[in-house]
């Protein structure tokens, strides 16, 4: 599989990819709750080689200092972020919420290296993103960042196994079969590995996406509304997978969501308003508490 996927996606890391029979595909990067002790579910022991703090020090996995992002110029300019300083340590699950236009998606895009700030700095896995050229930034995202999107972003010509292994194929890295097998059992799609995305339910597709985000043991996983396109049962299943990845694999997860219930799975909640962090505290015990915090900021 790795050879096949590497052949069809040889241009992906540069932002262009040509799939057999497919044109115009782009780079993948165009994220009870009150008692969150270590999980005893299907994940079992931590995977060998799981992510370690950046790495093994007290430094955060990803951080931003005085981050600003302005769109437009002159009177039409909009400040999506207006001086955000924040840090995310290893092995924590953070949820970012805020009203529409608050800057939460902009913050995630800047932290993940998908966009560049107007001013300020972002450091991820010990590297300051603002000092990297486009090629180095692409390589850092490929090797050190996992992404989970609301729309799954699976490649339709590849089956589930090939989609999971895609980040390794692009990077030309060998597959750790023991880790792959553990992830497959963790997300519960062993009997769907030969199926293409069109043959999978939404929940199954997002499970594949979770496994794909974790396969390279990234420094941080960014999840953008990961439960937004799912029914309530599938949503809870995916959020529990993220929760378990943090508890059992020491994974760092930063999730942007509008869903108060989704936020209740996190152990830290940040609220944004008008491009600034207006609340940064422990994760809500339930959806009602998250909603109360949201109402408090208007």
Protein backbone atom coordinates (compact mmCIF):
# COMPACT_ATOMS: atom_id res chain seq x y z
CA UNK A 1 0.00 0.00 0.00
CA UNK A 2 2.75 2.48 0.95
CA UNK A 3 4.33 2.25 -2.47
CA UNK A 4 1.03 2.79 -4.23
CA UNK A 5 0.06 5.76 -2.10
CA UNK A 6 3.53 7.28 -2.44
CA UNK A 7 3.25 7.02 -6.22
CA UNK A 8 -0.13 8.71 -6.43
CA UNK A 9 0.70 11.47 -3.95
CA UNK A 10 4.28 12.31 -4.87
CA UNK A 11 3.39 15.98 -5.17
CA UNK A 12 1.25 16.33 -2.08
CA UNK A 13 3.87 17.76 0.27
CA UNK A 14 4.38 20.69 -2.09
CA UNK A 15 0.69 21.48 -2.17
CA UNK A 16 -0.13 19.73 -5.46
CA UNK A 17 -1.12 16.12 -5.93
CA UNK A 18 -2.27 14.07 -8.91
CA UNK A 19 -4.38 11.02 -8.18
CA UNK A 20 -5.17 8.51 -10.91
CA UNK A 21 -8.45 9.64 -12.38
CA UNK A 22 -8.70 12.63 -10.03
CA UNK A 23 -7.70 16.23 -10.71
CA UNK A 24 -7.47 19.29 -8.52
CA UNK A 25 -6.80 17.55 -5.21
CA UNK A 26 -4.82 19.69 -2.79
CA UNK A 27 -2.75 19.36 0.32
CA UNK A 28 -4.66 17.86 3.20
CA UNK A 29 -4.19 20.92 5.38
CA UNK A 30 -5.80 23.64 2.94
CA UNK A 31 -8.74 18.95 15.95
CA UNK A 32 -18.52 10.94 32.97
CA UNK A 33 -16.33 14.09 31.67
CA UNK A 34 -16.04 15.33 35.27
CA UNK A 35 -13.92 12.30 36.18
CA UNK A 36 -11.13 12.03 33.69
CA UNK A 37 -8.70 9.55 35.18
CA UNK A 38 -6.66 7.26 32.94
CA UNK A 39 -8.97 5.30 30.69
CA UNK A 40 -9.39 1.56 31.03
CA UNK A 41 -11.13 1.18 27.69
CA UNK A 42 -9.88 -0.55 24.56
CA UNK A 43 -6.74 1.54 24.24
CA UNK A 44 -4.78 -0.33 26.88
CA UNK A 45 -1.19 0.67 27.57
CA UNK A 46 0.46 3.68 25.99
CA UNK A 47 1.85 3.02 22.55
CA UNK A 48 5.59 2.60 22.18
CA UNK A 49 7.18 5.85 21.12
CA UNK A 50 4.12 7.93 21.94
CA UNK A 51 4.58 11.71 21.80
CA UNK A 52 6.70 13.16 24.56
CA UNK A 53 6.79 16.76 25.70
CA UNK A 54 8.75 19.08 23.48
CA UNK A 55 10.22 17.01 24.12
CA UNK A 56 10.89 15.68 27.57
CA UNK A 57 11.22 19.23 28.90
CA UNK A 58 8.89 21.64 30.65
CA UNK A 59 8.37 23.59 27.45
CA UNK A 60 4.85 23.57 25.96
CA UNK A 61 4.22 21.60 22.79
CA UNK A 62 2.76 24.67 21.08
CA UNK A 63 2.64 28.29 22.21
CA UNK A 64 1.88 31.77 20.90
CA UNK A 65 3.05 35.15 22.09
CA UNK A 66 1.23 38.42 21.33
CA UNK A 67 -0.35 36.83 18.27
CA UNK A 68 -2.13 39.20 15.91
CA UNK A 69 -3.84 38.59 12.58
CA UNK A 70 -5.31 41.37 10.48
CA UNK A 71 -7.29 40.79 7.31
CA UNK A 72 -7.69 43.59 4.80
CA UNK A 73 -6.31 47.10 4.83
CA UNK A 74 -7.35 50.59 5.78
CA UNK A 75 -10.89 51.16 6.99
CA UNK A 76 -11.90 47.70 5.82
CA UNK A 77 -9.26 45.97 7.99
CA UNK A 78 -10.48 43.40 10.50
CA UNK A 79 -8.40 42.25 13.46
CA UNK A 80 -9.26 38.56 13.80
CA UNK A 81 -6.72 38.21 16.63
CA UNK A 82 -5.67 41.14 18.79
CA UNK A 83 -2.72 40.01 20.90
CA UNK A 84 -3.18 36.39 22.03
CA UNK A 85 -0.61 34.75 24.30
CA UNK A 86 -1.26 31.11 25.14
CA UNK A 87 0.59 27.81 25.66
CA UNK A 88 -0.48 24.17 25.42
CA UNK A 89 1.46 21.54 27.42
CA UNK A 90 1.82 17.92 26.48
CA UNK A 91 -0.88 15.40 27.25
CA UNK A 92 -3.78 17.81 27.64
CA UNK A 93 -7.06 18.22 25.76
CA UNK A 94 -7.96 21.86 25.18
CA UNK A 95 -11.21 23.13 23.67
CA UNK A 96 -11.45 26.57 22.09
CA UNK A 97 -14.91 28.14 21.89
CA UNK A 98 -16.30 31.54 21.09
CA UNK A 99 -19.02 33.36 19.15
CA UNK A 100 -18.89 33.48 15.38
CA UNK A 101 -16.10 35.84 14.37
CA UNK A 102 -14.33 35.58 17.73
CA UNK A 103 -11.08 34.39 16.15
CA UNK A 104 -11.07 30.75 17.28
CA UNK A 105 -10.52 29.26 13.83
CA UNK A 106 -7.91 31.89 13.01
CA UNK A 107 -6.06 31.00 16.21
CA UNK A 108 -6.04 27.31 15.35
CA UNK A 109 -4.84 27.98 11.80
CA UNK A 110 -1.95 30.08 13.10
CA UNK A 111 -1.00 27.56 15.80
CA UNK A 112 -0.99 24.78 13.19
CA UNK A 113 1.06 26.71 10.66
CA UNK A 114 -1.77 26.86 8.14
CA UNK A 115 -1.61 30.66 8.13
CA UNK A 116 0.98 33.25 9.09
CA UNK A 117 0.39 35.96 11.70
CA UNK A 118 0.50 39.67 11.03
CA UNK A 119 2.75 39.89 14.09
CA UNK A 120 3.70 37.80 17.09
CA UNK A 121 5.25 34.35 17.27
CA UNK A 122 4.14 30.71 17.25
CA UNK A 123 6.42 27.93 18.50
CA UNK A 124 5.56 24.28 17.80
CA UNK A 125 7.68 21.34 18.97
CA UNK A 126 10.54 23.70 19.68
CA UNK A 127 10.49 25.46 16.31
CA UNK A 128 9.34 29.03 15.78
CA UNK A 129 6.98 28.84 12.81
CA UNK A 130 7.39 32.47 11.83
CA UNK A 131 11.08 31.78 11.04
CA UNK A 132 10.38 28.86 8.69
CA UNK A 133 10.06 29.17 4.93
CA UNK A 134 7.11 27.53 3.19
CA UNK A 135 8.96 24.29 2.48
CA UNK A 136 10.16 23.86 6.06
CA UNK A 137 6.71 24.76 7.37
CA UNK A 138 5.11 22.13 5.14
CA UNK A 139 7.57 19.51 6.40
CA UNK A 140 6.91 20.44 10.02
CA UNK A 141 3.15 20.11 9.54
CA UNK A 142 3.64 16.78 7.81
CA UNK A 143 5.91 15.33 10.48
CA UNK A 144 4.75 16.92 13.73
CA UNK A 145 1.07 17.85 13.36
CA UNK A 146 -2.09 15.74 13.05
CA UNK A 147 -5.31 17.19 11.66
CA UNK A 148 -8.94 16.17 12.06
CA UNK A 149 -11.53 18.07 10.05
CA UNK A 150 -15.29 18.37 10.25
CA UNK A 151 -15.57 17.11 6.66
CA UNK A 152 -13.20 14.15 7.27
CA UNK A 153 -10.97 15.00 4.25
CA UNK A 154 -10.39 11.38 3.31
CA UNK A 155 -9.20 10.67 -0.21
CA UNK A 156 -11.97 8.88 -2.11
CA UNK A 157 -9.69 6.71 -4.27
CA UNK A 158 -7.98 5.16 -1.23
CA UNK A 159 -9.45 2.63 1.16
CA UNK A 160 -9.50 3.12 4.93
CA UNK A 161 -6.11 1.51 5.54
CA UNK A 162 -4.48 3.58 2.79
CA UNK A 163 -6.03 6.77 4.15
CA UNK A 164 -4.71 6.02 7.64
CA UNK A 165 -1.19 5.38 6.34
CA UNK A 166 -1.19 8.33 3.97
CA UNK A 167 0.92 10.68 6.18
CA UNK A 168 3.66 8.03 6.37
CA UNK A 169 3.44 7.41 2.63
CA UNK A 170 3.90 11.09 1.86
CA UNK A 171 6.85 11.33 4.22
CA UNK A 172 8.44 8.14 2.90
CA UNK A 173 8.46 6.64 6.39
CA UNK A 174 8.18 2.97 7.29
CA UNK A 175 4.99 1.75 8.90
CA UNK A 176 5.16 0.61 12.51
CA UNK A 177 2.74 -2.26 12.10
CA UNK A 178 2.28 -2.79 15.84
CA UNK A 179 1.23 0.85 16.27
CA UNK A 180 -1.02 0.64 13.20
CA UNK A 181 -2.72 -2.47 14.52
CA UNK A 182 -3.23 -0.85 17.92
CA UNK A 183 -4.78 2.23 16.35
CA UNK A 184 -7.08 0.14 14.15
CA UNK A 185 -8.38 -1.72 17.19
CA UNK A 186 -8.63 1.52 19.16
CA UNK A 187 -10.87 3.24 16.64
CA UNK A 188 -12.80 0.05 15.89
CA UNK A 189 -12.64 -0.10 12.09
CA UNK A 190 -10.72 -3.35 11.54
CA UNK A 191 -13.56 -4.81 9.49
CA UNK A 192 -13.67 -1.68 7.29
CA UNK A 193 -10.02 -1.37 6.30
CA UNK A 194 -10.64 -2.37 2.69
CA UNK A 195 -13.61 -0.01 2.28
CA UNK A 196 -13.37 3.34 0.54
CA UNK A 197 -14.86 6.46 2.16
CA UNK A 198 -18.06 6.28 0.12
CA UNK A 199 -18.70 2.86 1.67
CA UNK A 200 -18.33 4.13 5.23
CA UNK A 201 -20.72 5.98 7.51
CA UNK A 202 -19.82 9.46 8.73
CA UNK A 203 -18.79 8.11 12.10
CA UNK A 204 -16.60 5.45 10.50
CA UNK A 205 -14.96 8.04 8.25
CA UNK A 206 -14.12 10.21 11.24
CA UNK A 207 -12.68 7.20 13.06
CA UNK A 208 -10.39 6.68 10.07
CA UNK A 209 -9.48 10.37 10.24
CA UNK A 210 -8.61 10.06 13.94
CA UNK A 211 -6.34 7.10 13.23
CA UNK A 212 -4.72 9.00 10.34
CA UNK A 213 -4.05 11.96 12.64
CA UNK A 214 -2.35 9.71 15.21
CA UNK A 215 -0.40 7.33 12.94
CA UNK A 216 2.72 9.51 12.80
CA UNK A 217 2.69 10.14 16.58
CA UNK A 218 2.47 13.92 16.10
CA UNK A 219 3.47 16.50 18.66
CA UNK A 220 -0.08 17.90 18.60
CA UNK A 221 -3.42 17.08 16.99
CA UNK A 222 -5.60 19.98 15.87
CA UNK A 223 -9.28 19.09 15.56
CA UNK A 224 -11.58 21.50 13.74
CA UNK A 225 -15.21 20.79 14.72
CA UNK A 226 -14.48 17.03 14.67
CA UNK A 227 -18.03 16.10 15.69
CA UNK A 228 -19.83 18.73 13.64
CA UNK A 229 -21.06 16.39 10.89
CA UNK A 230 -21.98 13.45 13.09
CA UNK A 231 -25.06 12.18 14.90
CA UNK A 232 -24.96 12.25 18.69
CA UNK A 233 -23.79 8.63 19.10
CA UNK A 234 -21.01 8.93 16.52
CA UNK A 235 -20.06 12.32 17.95
CA UNK A 236 -19.59 10.89 21.43
CA UNK A 237 -17.59 7.97 20.03
CA UNK A 238 -15.15 10.29 18.26
CA UNK A 239 -14.81 12.63 21.24
CA UNK A 240 -14.11 9.67 23.51
CA UNK A 241 -11.40 8.54 21.10
CA UNK A 242 -9.75 11.96 21.42
CA UNK A 243 -10.16 11.85 25.19
CA UNK A 244 -8.55 8.42 25.33
CA UNK A 245 -5.70 9.49 23.02
CA UNK A 246 -4.84 12.13 25.60
CA UNK A 247 -5.23 9.88 28.64
CA UNK A 248 -3.58 6.75 27.25
CA UNK A 249 -1.12 8.01 24.62
CA UNK A 250 -0.16 11.35 26.23
CA UNK A 251 -1.33 13.01 23.02
CA UNK A 252 -1.88 16.77 22.97
CA UNK A 253 -5.20 17.79 21.39
CA UNK A 254 -6.38 21.30 20.59
CA UNK A 255 -10.00 21.36 19.41
CA UNK A 256 -12.04 24.22 18.00
CA UNK A 257 -15.75 23.69 18.54
CA UNK A 258 -19.05 25.53 18.81
CA UNK A 259 -20.57 22.54 20.63
CA UNK A 260 -20.75 22.88 24.42
CA UNK A 261 -21.20 19.12 24.77
CA UNK A 262 -17.99 18.51 22.81
CA UNK A 263 -16.16 20.99 25.04
CA UNK A 264 -17.14 18.96 28.11
CA UNK A 265 -14.72 16.21 27.00
CA UNK A 266 -11.75 18.59 27.33
CA UNK A 267 -9.77 19.30 30.48
CA UNK A 268 -9.20 22.92 29.53
CA UNK A 269 -11.53 25.50 28.01
CA UNK A 270 -10.52 28.72 26.30
CA UNK A 271 -13.15 31.26 25.30
CA UNK A 272 -12.41 33.89 22.68
CA UNK A 273 -14.27 37.14 22.00
CA UNK A 274 -13.25 39.90 19.60
CA UNK A 275 -9.89 38.30 18.95
CA UNK A 276 -8.88 37.99 22.60
CA UNK A 277 -8.90 35.22 25.21
CA UNK A 278 -11.52 36.16 27.77
CA UNK A 279 -11.54 32.88 29.73
CA UNK A 280 -8.91 30.19 30.22
CA UNK A 281 -9.70 27.57 32.82
CA UNK A 282 -10.52 23.97 33.59
CA UNK A 283 -12.74 22.09 31.19
CA UNK A 284 -16.47 22.29 31.89
CA UNK A 285 -18.02 19.44 33.83
CA UNK A 286 -20.91 19.30 31.38
CA UNK A 287 -22.48 21.12 28.46
CA UNK A 288 -24.57 23.33 30.73
CA UNK A 289 -21.50 24.75 32.43
CA UNK A 290 -19.88 25.47 29.06
CA UNK A 291 -23.03 27.26 27.91
CA UNK A 292 -23.11 29.32 31.10
CA UNK A 293 -19.53 30.44 30.45
CA UNK A 294 -20.42 31.33 26.87
CA UNK A 295 -23.40 33.38 28.02
CA UNK A 296 -21.19 35.23 30.47
CA UNK A 297 -19.07 36.62 27.64
CA UNK A 298 -22.14 37.65 25.67
